[in-house]
N, C-alpha and C. Protein backbone atom coordinates (compact mmCIF):
# COMPACT_ATOMS: atom_id res chain seq x y z
N MET A 1 102.13 136.57 88.99
CA MET A 1 103.16 135.43 89.16
C MET A 1 104.64 136.08 89.05
N PHE A 2 105.50 135.60 89.93
CA PHE A 2 106.91 136.06 89.97
C PHE A 2 107.71 134.84 89.83
N ILE A 3 108.46 134.97 88.64
CA ILE A 3 109.28 133.78 88.34
C ILE A 3 110.72 134.16 88.11
N LYS A 4 111.48 133.29 88.77
CA LYS A 4 112.95 133.47 88.87
C LYS A 4 113.49 132.63 87.62
N ILE A 5 114.19 133.23 86.71
CA ILE A 5 114.92 132.71 85.54
C ILE A 5 116.37 133.03 85.45
N TYR A 6 117.12 132.01 85.35
CA TYR A 6 118.74 132.51 85.19
C TYR A 6 119.15 132.75 83.85
N PRO A 7 119.68 133.94 83.51
CA PRO A 7 119.91 134.40 82.19
C PRO A 7 120.84 133.44 81.55
N GLU A 8 121.93 132.95 82.36
CA GLU A 8 123.07 132.04 81.72
C GLU A 8 122.56 130.74 81.30
N ASN A 9 121.47 130.23 81.99
CA ASN A 9 120.83 129.00 81.79
C ASN A 9 119.47 128.87 82.02
N PRO A 10 118.69 129.55 81.10
CA PRO A 10 117.06 129.73 81.57
C PRO A 10 116.53 128.12 81.40
N ASN A 11 115.65 127.89 82.40
CA ASN A 11 114.95 126.68 82.53
C ASN A 11 113.78 126.72 81.63
N PRO A 12 113.87 125.59 80.71
CA PRO A 12 112.79 125.55 79.72
C PRO A 12 111.39 125.60 80.16
N LYS A 13 111.23 124.85 81.33
CA LYS A 13 109.84 124.85 81.96
C LYS A 13 109.40 126.21 82.29
N GLU A 14 110.35 127.11 82.92
CA GLU A 14 109.80 128.23 83.16
C GLU A 14 109.61 129.27 81.96
N ILE A 15 110.47 128.92 81.11
CA ILE A 15 110.16 129.79 79.62
C ILE A 15 108.95 129.45 79.26
N ASP A 16 108.47 128.05 79.13
CA ASP A 16 107.26 127.60 78.69
C ASP A 16 106.09 128.20 79.39
N LYS A 17 106.24 128.26 80.67
CA LYS A 17 104.98 128.99 81.49
C LYS A 17 104.80 130.54 80.95
N VAL A 18 105.85 131.03 80.94
CA VAL A 18 105.74 132.48 80.45
C VAL A 18 105.33 132.50 79.03
N VAL A 19 105.70 131.74 78.09
CA VAL A 19 105.29 131.73 76.59
C VAL A 19 103.82 131.51 76.65
N SER A 20 103.27 130.43 77.59
CA SER A 20 101.65 130.26 77.62
C SER A 20 100.84 131.48 77.91
N VAL A 21 101.45 132.31 78.80
CA VAL A 21 100.90 133.53 79.23
C VAL A 21 100.88 134.46 78.08
N LEU A 22 101.94 134.72 77.45
CA LEU A 22 102.00 135.55 76.27
C LEU A 22 101.13 135.15 75.09
N ARG A 23 100.91 133.69 75.01
CA ARG A 23 99.99 133.19 73.84
C ARG A 23 98.57 133.56 74.24
N ASP A 24 98.43 133.63 75.47
CA ASP A 24 96.84 133.96 76.13
C ASP A 24 96.63 135.53 75.87
N GLY A 25 97.74 136.24 75.47
CA GLY A 25 97.46 137.70 75.50
C GLY A 25 97.80 138.45 76.77
N GLY A 26 98.77 137.79 77.69
CA GLY A 26 98.98 138.21 78.86
C GLY A 26 100.09 139.35 78.78
N LEU A 27 100.45 140.05 79.64
CA LEU A 27 101.40 140.92 79.83
C LEU A 27 102.61 140.56 80.82
N VAL A 28 103.89 140.82 80.37
CA VAL A 28 105.05 140.17 81.11
C VAL A 28 106.11 141.24 81.23
N VAL A 29 106.54 141.30 82.47
CA VAL A 29 107.88 142.24 82.64
C VAL A 29 109.12 141.17 82.55
N TYR A 30 110.14 141.78 81.87
CA TYR A 30 111.32 140.79 81.48
C TYR A 30 112.64 141.74 81.53
N PRO A 31 113.57 140.96 81.78
CA PRO A 31 115.05 141.59 81.55
C PRO A 31 115.41 141.63 80.24
N THR A 32 115.97 142.80 79.92
CA THR A 32 116.71 142.85 78.64
C THR A 32 118.21 143.09 78.92
N ASP A 33 119.13 143.52 77.87
CA ASP A 33 120.34 143.90 78.16
C ASP A 33 120.68 145.26 78.58
N THR A 34 119.40 145.86 78.64
CA THR A 34 119.46 147.20 79.07
C THR A 34 118.52 147.39 80.34
N VAL A 35 117.51 148.11 80.21
CA VAL A 35 116.56 148.02 81.32
C VAL A 35 115.30 146.94 81.42
N TYR A 36 114.73 146.75 82.42
CA TYR A 36 113.64 145.97 82.43
C TYR A 36 112.52 146.50 81.58
N ALA A 37 111.75 145.71 80.82
CA ALA A 37 110.66 146.11 80.15
C ALA A 37 109.39 145.52 80.33
N ILE A 38 108.28 145.87 79.77
CA ILE A 38 106.90 145.15 79.75
C ILE A 38 106.69 144.94 78.24
N GLY A 39 106.14 143.64 78.00
CA GLY A 39 105.79 143.25 76.48
C GLY A 39 104.86 142.42 76.46
N CYS A 40 104.33 142.19 75.29
CA CYS A 40 103.22 141.00 74.99
C CYS A 40 103.52 140.67 73.67
N ASP A 41 102.62 139.52 73.22
CA ASP A 41 102.87 139.21 71.63
C ASP A 41 102.54 140.20 70.91
N ALA A 42 103.61 140.59 70.08
CA ALA A 42 103.42 142.02 69.20
C ALA A 42 102.16 141.80 68.21
N LEU A 43 101.83 140.57 67.75
CA LEU A 43 100.81 140.26 66.81
C LEU A 43 99.37 140.12 67.44
N ASN A 44 99.42 140.22 68.85
CA ASN A 44 98.10 139.98 69.47
C ASN A 44 97.43 141.43 69.73
N VAL A 45 96.54 141.81 68.94
CA VAL A 45 96.11 143.16 68.93
C VAL A 45 95.54 143.75 70.46
N ARG A 46 94.76 142.62 70.89
CA ARG A 46 94.26 143.03 72.21
C ARG A 46 95.30 143.00 73.39
N ALA A 47 96.26 142.42 73.22
CA ALA A 47 97.43 142.47 74.32
C ALA A 47 98.11 144.03 74.04
N VAL A 48 98.28 144.13 72.74
CA VAL A 48 99.07 145.39 72.32
C VAL A 48 98.08 146.75 72.86
N GLU A 49 96.68 146.56 72.67
CA GLU A 49 95.91 147.66 73.22
C GLU A 49 95.96 147.70 74.84
N LYS A 50 96.14 146.60 75.38
CA LYS A 50 96.38 146.63 76.73
C LYS A 50 97.20 147.27 77.37
N ILE A 51 98.60 147.03 76.72
CA ILE A 51 99.90 147.74 77.05
C ILE A 51 99.84 149.39 76.63
N CYS A 52 99.17 149.54 75.73
CA CYS A 52 99.12 151.03 75.23
C CYS A 52 98.33 151.76 76.40
N LYS A 53 97.13 151.03 76.75
CA LYS A 53 96.26 151.78 77.74
C LYS A 53 96.90 151.69 78.97
N MET A 54 97.73 150.86 79.48
CA MET A 54 98.50 150.69 80.72
C MET A 54 99.45 151.90 80.85
N LYS A 55 100.30 151.84 79.66
CA LYS A 55 101.31 152.94 79.73
C LYS A 55 100.95 154.25 79.23
N ASN A 56 99.56 154.35 78.92
CA ASN A 56 98.91 155.61 78.20
C ASN A 56 99.72 156.03 77.05
N ILE A 57 99.87 155.09 76.09
CA ILE A 57 100.51 155.30 74.92
C ILE A 57 99.49 155.24 73.81
N ASN A 58 99.58 156.31 72.86
CA ASN A 58 98.76 156.30 71.71
C ASN A 58 99.43 155.51 70.61
N PRO A 59 99.16 154.44 70.18
CA PRO A 59 99.80 153.53 69.18
C PRO A 59 99.85 154.31 67.82
N GLN A 60 99.04 155.27 67.65
CA GLN A 60 99.10 155.75 66.37
C GLN A 60 100.27 156.96 66.31
N LYS A 61 100.36 157.37 67.47
CA LYS A 61 101.49 158.50 67.59
C LYS A 61 102.78 158.01 68.40
N SER A 62 102.89 157.00 68.97
CA SER A 62 103.97 156.81 69.74
C SER A 62 104.88 155.79 68.98
N ASN A 63 106.22 155.75 69.16
CA ASN A 63 106.98 154.81 68.55
C ASN A 63 106.86 153.47 69.19
N LEU A 64 106.65 152.61 68.52
CA LEU A 64 106.56 151.26 69.04
C LEU A 64 107.59 150.33 68.54
N SER A 65 108.22 149.57 69.65
CA SER A 65 109.38 148.73 69.32
C SER A 65 108.99 147.37 69.46
N ILE A 66 109.56 146.34 68.79
CA ILE A 66 109.42 144.85 69.01
C ILE A 66 110.80 144.48 69.13
N ILE A 67 110.63 143.14 69.76
CA ILE A 67 111.94 142.23 69.97
C ILE A 67 111.81 141.12 69.07
N CYS A 68 112.93 140.94 68.31
CA CYS A 68 112.89 139.54 67.50
C CYS A 68 114.09 138.95 67.92
N TYR A 69 113.85 137.42 67.72
CA TYR A 69 115.04 136.70 68.20
C TYR A 69 116.26 136.73 67.33
N ASP A 70 116.32 136.98 66.14
CA ASP A 70 117.43 137.27 65.38
C ASP A 70 116.88 138.09 64.20
N LEU A 71 117.94 138.13 63.18
CA LEU A 71 117.46 138.83 62.01
C LEU A 71 117.07 138.08 60.84
N SER A 72 116.89 136.89 61.04
CA SER A 72 116.53 135.93 60.12
C SER A 72 114.90 136.27 59.39
N ASN A 73 113.95 136.51 60.32
CA ASN A 73 112.75 136.80 59.81
C ASN A 73 112.34 138.47 59.95
N LEU A 74 113.36 139.33 60.07
CA LEU A 74 113.25 140.62 60.33
C LEU A 74 112.29 141.16 59.05
N SER A 75 112.64 140.73 57.90
CA SER A 75 111.86 141.49 56.63
C SER A 75 110.35 141.14 56.75
N GLU A 76 109.92 140.34 57.67
CA GLU A 76 108.44 139.92 57.81
C GLU A 76 107.90 141.39 58.43
N TYR A 77 108.62 142.01 59.29
CA TYR A 77 107.97 143.15 59.83
C TYR A 77 108.46 144.51 59.66
N ALA A 78 109.76 144.62 58.86
CA ALA A 78 110.19 145.76 58.67
C ALA A 78 110.95 145.79 57.20
N LYS A 79 110.99 147.01 56.58
CA LYS A 79 111.73 147.02 55.39
C LYS A 79 113.17 147.23 55.68
N VAL A 80 114.06 146.57 55.38
CA VAL A 80 115.40 146.64 55.51
C VAL A 80 116.27 146.77 54.34
N SER A 81 117.08 147.81 54.10
CA SER A 81 118.05 147.96 53.05
C SER A 81 119.29 147.05 53.28
N ASN A 82 119.89 146.78 52.22
CA ASN A 82 121.29 145.95 52.44
C ASN A 82 122.27 146.62 53.38
N SER A 83 122.30 147.87 53.34
CA SER A 83 123.34 148.44 54.19
C SER A 83 122.77 148.63 55.61
N ALA A 84 121.50 148.72 55.83
CA ALA A 84 120.98 148.78 57.15
C ALA A 84 121.19 147.23 57.73
N PHE A 85 120.88 146.18 56.77
CA PHE A 85 120.99 144.88 57.40
C PHE A 85 122.41 144.64 57.80
N LYS A 86 123.48 145.12 57.01
CA LYS A 86 124.87 144.81 57.36
C LYS A 86 125.08 145.64 58.73
N LEU A 87 124.73 146.81 58.91
CA LEU A 87 124.90 147.58 60.07
C LEU A 87 124.30 146.80 61.34
N MET A 88 123.09 146.17 61.22
CA MET A 88 122.49 145.52 62.45
C MET A 88 123.14 144.09 62.55
N ARG A 89 123.54 143.72 61.61
CA ARG A 89 124.31 142.23 61.74
C ARG A 89 125.55 142.47 62.58
N LYS A 90 126.34 143.68 62.19
CA LYS A 90 127.53 143.88 63.12
C LYS A 90 127.26 144.20 64.58
N ASN A 91 125.96 144.67 64.94
CA ASN A 91 125.85 145.18 66.13
C ASN A 91 124.72 144.38 67.09
N LEU A 92 124.15 143.34 66.53
CA LEU A 92 123.29 142.57 67.18
C LEU A 92 123.54 141.25 67.30
N PRO A 93 123.22 140.48 68.41
CA PRO A 93 122.48 141.07 69.52
C PRO A 93 123.23 142.08 70.24
N GLY A 94 122.50 143.07 70.81
CA GLY A 94 123.04 144.18 71.51
C GLY A 94 122.12 145.23 71.90
N ALA A 95 122.70 146.22 72.73
CA ALA A 95 121.83 147.27 73.33
C ALA A 95 121.36 148.34 72.31
N PHE A 96 120.53 147.91 71.28
CA PHE A 96 120.26 148.98 70.38
C PHE A 96 118.67 148.79 69.89
N THR A 97 118.21 150.13 69.47
CA THR A 97 116.86 149.77 68.89
C THR A 97 117.13 150.59 67.51
N PHE A 98 116.72 149.65 66.40
CA PHE A 98 117.03 150.14 65.12
C PHE A 98 115.58 150.70 64.54
N ILE A 99 115.45 151.96 64.03
CA ILE A 99 114.22 152.43 63.56
C ILE A 99 114.34 152.12 62.09
N LEU A 100 113.15 151.37 61.69
CA LEU A 100 112.98 150.95 60.29
C LEU A 100 111.71 151.23 59.81
N PRO A 101 111.56 151.25 58.48
CA PRO A 101 110.01 151.46 57.74
C PRO A 101 109.39 150.26 58.07
N THR A 102 107.94 150.22 58.33
CA THR A 102 107.28 149.04 58.69
C THR A 102 106.86 148.37 57.55
N SER A 103 106.68 147.02 57.64
CA SER A 103 106.26 146.24 56.41
C SER A 103 104.74 145.93 56.57
N SER A 104 104.06 145.25 55.73
CA SER A 104 102.67 145.15 55.80
C SER A 104 102.22 143.87 56.81
N GLU A 105 103.23 143.33 57.16
CA GLU A 105 102.79 142.08 58.22
C GLU A 105 102.36 142.33 59.54
N LEU A 106 102.68 143.49 60.02
CA LEU A 106 102.25 143.87 61.40
C LEU A 106 100.74 144.30 61.45
N PRO A 107 100.16 143.90 62.61
CA PRO A 107 98.67 144.27 62.66
C PRO A 107 98.22 145.65 62.47
N LYS A 108 96.90 145.86 62.34
CA LYS A 108 96.47 147.18 61.88
C LYS A 108 96.92 148.41 62.91
N ILE A 109 97.01 147.85 64.27
CA ILE A 109 97.29 148.71 65.36
C ILE A 109 98.47 149.67 65.01
N TYR A 110 99.40 148.84 64.22
CA TYR A 110 100.56 149.54 63.86
C TYR A 110 100.51 150.46 62.38
N LYS A 111 99.50 149.99 61.78
CA LYS A 111 99.31 150.53 60.42
C LYS A 111 99.73 151.99 60.01
N ASN A 112 99.19 152.88 61.02
CA ASN A 112 99.49 154.21 60.71
C ASN A 112 100.91 154.58 61.02
N ARG A 113 101.59 153.72 61.46
CA ARG A 113 102.93 153.94 61.89
C ARG A 113 103.79 153.79 60.68
N LYS A 114 104.51 154.52 60.31
CA LYS A 114 105.44 154.42 59.15
C LYS A 114 106.82 153.80 59.41
N GLU A 115 106.97 153.65 60.92
CA GLU A 115 108.36 153.35 61.45
C GLU A 115 108.03 152.29 62.68
N VAL A 116 109.05 151.36 62.67
CA VAL A 116 108.99 150.34 63.96
C VAL A 116 110.25 150.44 64.40
N GLY A 117 110.55 150.23 65.67
CA GLY A 117 111.89 150.07 66.33
C GLY A 117 111.99 148.64 66.39
N ILE A 118 113.30 148.06 66.10
CA ILE A 118 113.70 146.62 66.23
C ILE A 118 114.62 146.30 67.24
N ARG A 119 114.54 145.50 68.15
CA ARG A 119 115.46 144.97 69.13
C ARG A 119 115.88 143.62 69.01
N VAL A 120 117.13 143.34 69.02
CA VAL A 120 117.56 141.96 69.42
C VAL A 120 118.52 141.91 70.54
N PRO A 121 118.01 142.02 71.78
CA PRO A 121 118.75 142.23 72.88
C PRO A 121 119.82 141.14 73.05
N ASP A 122 120.92 141.51 73.86
CA ASP A 122 121.91 140.34 74.21
C ASP A 122 121.43 139.76 75.59
N ASN A 123 120.40 139.21 75.52
CA ASN A 123 119.75 138.52 76.78
C ASN A 123 119.12 137.24 76.42
N ASN A 124 119.41 136.18 77.01
CA ASN A 124 119.07 134.83 76.70
C ASN A 124 117.58 134.79 76.97
N ILE A 125 116.97 135.21 78.18
CA ILE A 125 115.79 134.97 78.62
C ILE A 125 114.72 135.60 77.54
N ILE A 126 114.88 136.94 77.19
CA ILE A 126 113.74 137.44 76.24
C ILE A 126 114.01 136.96 74.76
N ARG A 127 115.14 136.55 74.53
CA ARG A 127 115.29 135.97 73.03
C ARG A 127 114.71 134.57 73.06
N LEU A 128 114.95 133.77 74.09
CA LEU A 128 114.23 132.55 74.17
C LEU A 128 112.74 132.63 74.26
N LEU A 129 112.03 133.51 74.89
CA LEU A 129 110.60 133.80 75.16
C LEU A 129 110.29 134.12 73.54
N VAL A 130 110.91 134.89 72.72
CA VAL A 130 110.59 135.42 71.43
C VAL A 130 110.72 134.04 70.57
N LYS A 131 111.76 133.34 70.69
CA LYS A 131 111.77 132.17 69.82
C LYS A 131 110.80 131.21 70.11
N GLU A 132 110.46 130.89 71.33
CA GLU A 132 109.40 129.79 71.69
C GLU A 132 108.04 130.40 71.27
N LEU A 133 107.71 131.49 71.50
CA LEU A 133 106.33 132.19 71.08
C LEU A 133 106.13 132.12 69.57
N GLY A 134 107.33 132.30 68.88
CA GLY A 134 107.24 132.26 67.45
C GLY A 134 106.87 133.63 66.84
N ASN A 135 106.62 134.53 67.59
CA ASN A 135 106.02 136.00 67.24
C ASN A 135 107.14 136.96 67.83
N PRO A 136 107.28 138.19 67.17
CA PRO A 136 107.89 139.22 67.94
C PRO A 136 107.16 139.56 69.26
N ILE A 137 107.94 140.30 70.18
CA ILE A 137 107.26 140.80 71.55
C ILE A 137 107.31 142.22 71.43
N LEU A 138 106.19 142.89 71.53
CA LEU A 138 106.14 144.43 71.65
C LEU A 138 106.89 144.65 73.07
N THR A 139 107.53 145.77 72.94
CA THR A 139 108.44 146.05 74.18
C THR A 139 108.29 147.53 74.61
N THR A 140 108.24 147.71 75.70
CA THR A 140 108.30 149.25 76.24
C THR A 140 109.09 149.24 77.60
N SER A 141 109.99 150.12 77.61
CA SER A 141 110.80 150.15 78.95
C SER A 141 109.82 150.47 80.24
N ILE A 142 110.28 149.99 81.29
CA ILE A 142 109.78 150.37 82.64
C ILE A 142 110.55 151.70 83.05
N HIS A 143 109.65 152.58 83.14
CA HIS A 143 109.97 154.00 83.66
C HIS A 143 108.76 154.78 84.25
N ASP A 144 108.98 155.73 84.89
CA ASP A 144 107.88 156.56 85.52
C ASP A 144 107.41 157.56 84.36
N ASP A 145 106.34 158.11 84.83
CA ASP A 145 105.50 159.15 83.96
C ASP A 145 106.45 160.26 83.33
N ASP A 146 107.47 160.55 84.18
CA ASP A 146 108.13 161.85 83.76
C ASP A 146 109.41 161.12 82.83
N ASP A 147 109.38 159.95 82.60
CA ASP A 147 110.11 159.46 81.57
C ASP A 147 111.66 159.11 82.33
N GLU A 148 111.69 159.08 83.33
CA GLU A 148 113.05 158.89 84.19
C GLU A 148 113.04 157.43 84.39
N ILE A 149 114.05 156.79 84.26
CA ILE A 149 114.46 155.36 84.68
C ILE A 149 114.91 155.56 86.15
N LEU A 150 114.20 154.93 87.10
CA LEU A 150 114.58 155.26 88.32
C LEU A 150 115.13 153.84 89.08
N GLU A 151 115.63 154.13 90.22
CA GLU A 151 116.42 153.00 90.80
C GLU A 151 115.64 151.80 90.85
N TYR A 152 114.40 151.85 91.37
CA TYR A 152 113.50 150.60 91.74
C TYR A 152 113.51 149.69 90.33
N THR A 153 113.53 150.31 89.30
CA THR A 153 113.43 149.53 87.94
C THR A 153 114.55 148.70 87.72
N THR A 154 115.55 148.47 88.65
CA THR A 154 116.57 147.54 88.37
C THR A 154 116.35 146.36 89.17
N ASP A 155 115.48 146.37 90.18
CA ASP A 155 115.25 145.44 91.21
C ASP A 155 113.91 144.67 91.00
N PRO A 156 114.08 143.41 90.47
CA PRO A 156 112.83 142.58 90.11
C PRO A 156 111.88 142.61 91.30
N GLU A 157 112.21 142.43 92.32
CA GLU A 157 111.20 142.35 93.54
C GLU A 157 110.58 143.59 93.83
N LEU A 158 111.21 144.80 93.70
CA LEU A 158 110.44 146.15 93.70
C LEU A 158 109.51 146.30 92.54
N ILE A 159 110.12 145.76 91.40
CA ILE A 159 109.39 145.86 90.02
C ILE A 159 108.03 145.05 90.25
N PHE A 160 108.07 143.75 90.89
CA PHE A 160 106.81 142.88 91.23
C PHE A 160 105.80 143.76 92.07
N GLU A 161 106.39 144.50 93.17
CA GLU A 161 105.56 145.15 94.14
C GLU A 161 104.78 146.07 93.33
N LYS A 162 105.35 146.86 92.44
CA LYS A 162 104.74 147.93 91.68
C LYS A 162 103.72 147.49 90.73
N TYR A 163 104.05 146.31 89.94
CA TYR A 163 103.37 145.89 88.89
C TYR A 163 102.58 144.66 89.05
N GLU A 164 102.45 144.09 90.04
CA GLU A 164 101.86 142.74 90.43
C GLU A 164 100.30 142.79 90.05
N HIS A 165 99.70 143.88 90.28
CA HIS A 165 98.36 143.87 89.81
C HIS A 165 98.15 144.37 88.30
N SER A 166 99.05 144.59 87.67
CA SER A 166 98.73 145.21 86.26
C SER A 166 99.49 144.35 85.17
N VAL A 167 100.26 143.45 85.67
CA VAL A 167 100.68 142.46 84.55
C VAL A 167 100.53 140.98 85.09
N ASP A 168 100.64 140.10 84.10
CA ASP A 168 100.50 138.79 84.56
C ASP A 168 101.70 137.96 85.13
N VAL A 169 102.77 138.40 84.66
CA VAL A 169 104.14 137.53 85.12
C VAL A 169 105.19 138.75 85.37
N VAL A 170 105.95 138.77 86.27
CA VAL A 170 107.25 139.46 86.51
C VAL A 170 108.42 138.46 86.59
N ILE A 171 109.26 138.63 85.67
CA ILE A 171 110.55 137.72 85.70
C ILE A 171 111.66 138.26 86.54
N ASP A 172 112.27 137.50 87.26
CA ASP A 172 113.42 137.81 88.01
C ASP A 172 114.40 137.25 87.29
N GLY A 173 115.15 138.24 86.49
CA GLY A 173 116.23 137.72 85.67
C GLY A 173 117.58 138.36 86.27
N GLY A 174 117.73 138.78 87.46
CA GLY A 174 118.80 139.45 88.14
C GLY A 174 118.66 140.90 88.04
N TYR A 175 119.49 141.56 88.61
CA TYR A 175 119.42 143.12 88.52
C TYR A 175 119.64 143.60 87.12
N GLY A 176 118.73 144.72 87.03
CA GLY A 176 118.72 145.37 85.67
C GLY A 176 119.80 146.31 85.51
N ASN A 177 119.61 147.04 84.43
CA ASN A 177 120.56 148.23 84.10
C ASN A 177 119.71 149.51 84.17
N LEU A 178 120.24 150.63 84.36
CA LEU A 178 119.72 151.96 84.44
C LEU A 178 119.90 152.64 83.01
N ILE A 179 120.68 152.16 82.12
CA ILE A 179 120.99 152.86 80.82
C ILE A 179 120.14 152.26 79.80
N PRO A 180 119.45 152.98 78.92
CA PRO A 180 118.57 152.47 78.00
C PRO A 180 119.47 152.18 76.54
N SER A 181 118.63 151.58 75.80
CA SER A 181 119.38 151.25 74.42
C SER A 181 119.68 152.53 73.55
N THR A 182 120.66 152.24 72.77
CA THR A 182 121.10 153.43 71.69
C THR A 182 119.96 153.28 70.63
N ILE A 183 119.41 154.26 70.20
CA ILE A 183 118.54 154.32 69.09
C ILE A 183 119.19 154.86 67.79
N VAL A 184 118.99 153.99 66.74
CA VAL A 184 119.48 154.33 65.45
C VAL A 184 118.58 154.54 64.44
N ASP A 185 118.44 155.68 63.86
CA ASP A 185 117.41 155.86 62.61
C ASP A 185 118.06 155.15 61.37
N CYS A 186 117.36 154.10 61.14
CA CYS A 186 117.82 153.42 59.68
C CYS A 186 116.79 153.47 58.69
N THR A 187 115.74 154.64 58.63
CA THR A 187 114.84 154.79 57.68
C THR A 187 115.28 155.24 56.40
N THR A 188 116.55 155.87 56.36
CA THR A 188 117.26 156.09 55.21
C THR A 188 118.73 155.51 55.40
N ASP A 189 119.49 155.50 54.37
CA ASP A 189 120.91 154.99 54.62
C ASP A 189 121.79 155.99 55.28
N ASP A 190 121.30 157.12 55.45
CA ASP A 190 122.13 158.16 56.22
C ASP A 190 121.92 157.85 57.82
N PHE A 191 122.55 156.76 58.34
CA PHE A 191 122.17 156.27 59.59
C PHE A 191 122.49 157.47 60.76
N GLU A 192 121.52 157.45 61.58
CA GLU A 192 121.61 158.65 62.62
C GLU A 192 121.27 158.07 63.94
N ILE A 193 122.15 158.44 65.07
CA ILE A 193 121.96 158.09 66.22
C ILE A 193 121.05 159.10 66.88
N VAL A 194 119.90 158.73 67.12
CA VAL A 194 118.82 159.48 67.76
C VAL A 194 118.90 159.68 69.37
N ARG A 195 119.53 158.59 70.02
CA ARG A 195 119.76 158.52 71.36
C ARG A 195 121.02 157.60 71.73
N GLN A 196 121.92 158.26 72.28
CA GLN A 196 123.04 157.52 72.71
C GLN A 196 122.94 156.88 74.02
N GLY A 197 122.74 155.57 74.04
CA GLY A 197 122.66 154.84 75.34
C GLY A 197 123.69 153.79 75.46
N LYS A 198 123.35 152.68 76.05
CA LYS A 198 124.35 151.64 76.29
C LYS A 198 125.14 151.17 75.20
N GLY A 199 124.62 151.08 74.01
CA GLY A 199 125.22 150.40 72.85
C GLY A 199 126.22 151.32 72.20
N GLU A 200 127.30 150.93 71.77
CA GLU A 200 128.36 151.69 71.13
C GLU A 200 128.39 151.19 69.65
N LEU A 201 127.86 151.97 68.73
CA LEU A 201 127.57 151.52 67.52
C LEU A 201 128.88 151.22 66.65
N LEU A 202 129.02 150.16 66.02
CA LEU A 202 130.01 149.77 65.15
C LEU A 202 129.46 150.02 63.70
N LEU A 203 130.34 150.85 62.85
CA LEU A 203 129.86 151.22 61.67
C LEU A 203 130.46 150.25 60.54
């Protein structure tokens, strides 16, 4: 399924269509404020396993990131110190992935992971999907095996051509970006930028 959704004014009917796919354990390609990404309901273990298999990710060894609607229920999924919370509040929504210690609420597939990446992108489409779903969305950027983010990954129609047989929905939310998020390690209060991306961190 290929669905056009306008980021400035997402159509609630189209959002509901995608949310029902996510509830059924489906995989969705969607825009963020950085690159296009593939995601699923982060609390649906079978869906998470599907994404890990498709992207050849070992969930016990790879860094997994989830998208939240905002910071209000963040403590359900990660342990956040006061100073980390202040830093995130200053910078989100935005083009950042904040690495935090995991909490016990995430499913067993995450359990051996001591850390989880948290994103709150500055993009209405993906945030509304998370809000309506009521769960965070596991997210992984679209890129090729050599880890390069290539030109086709900015064009939703080309993304659909590549992924139409391996995901349930591709959302056309306009052209994407080529620059990934800035990754900030917040597992201690000595915050460290692990990868400088699109986001300029305000301290």
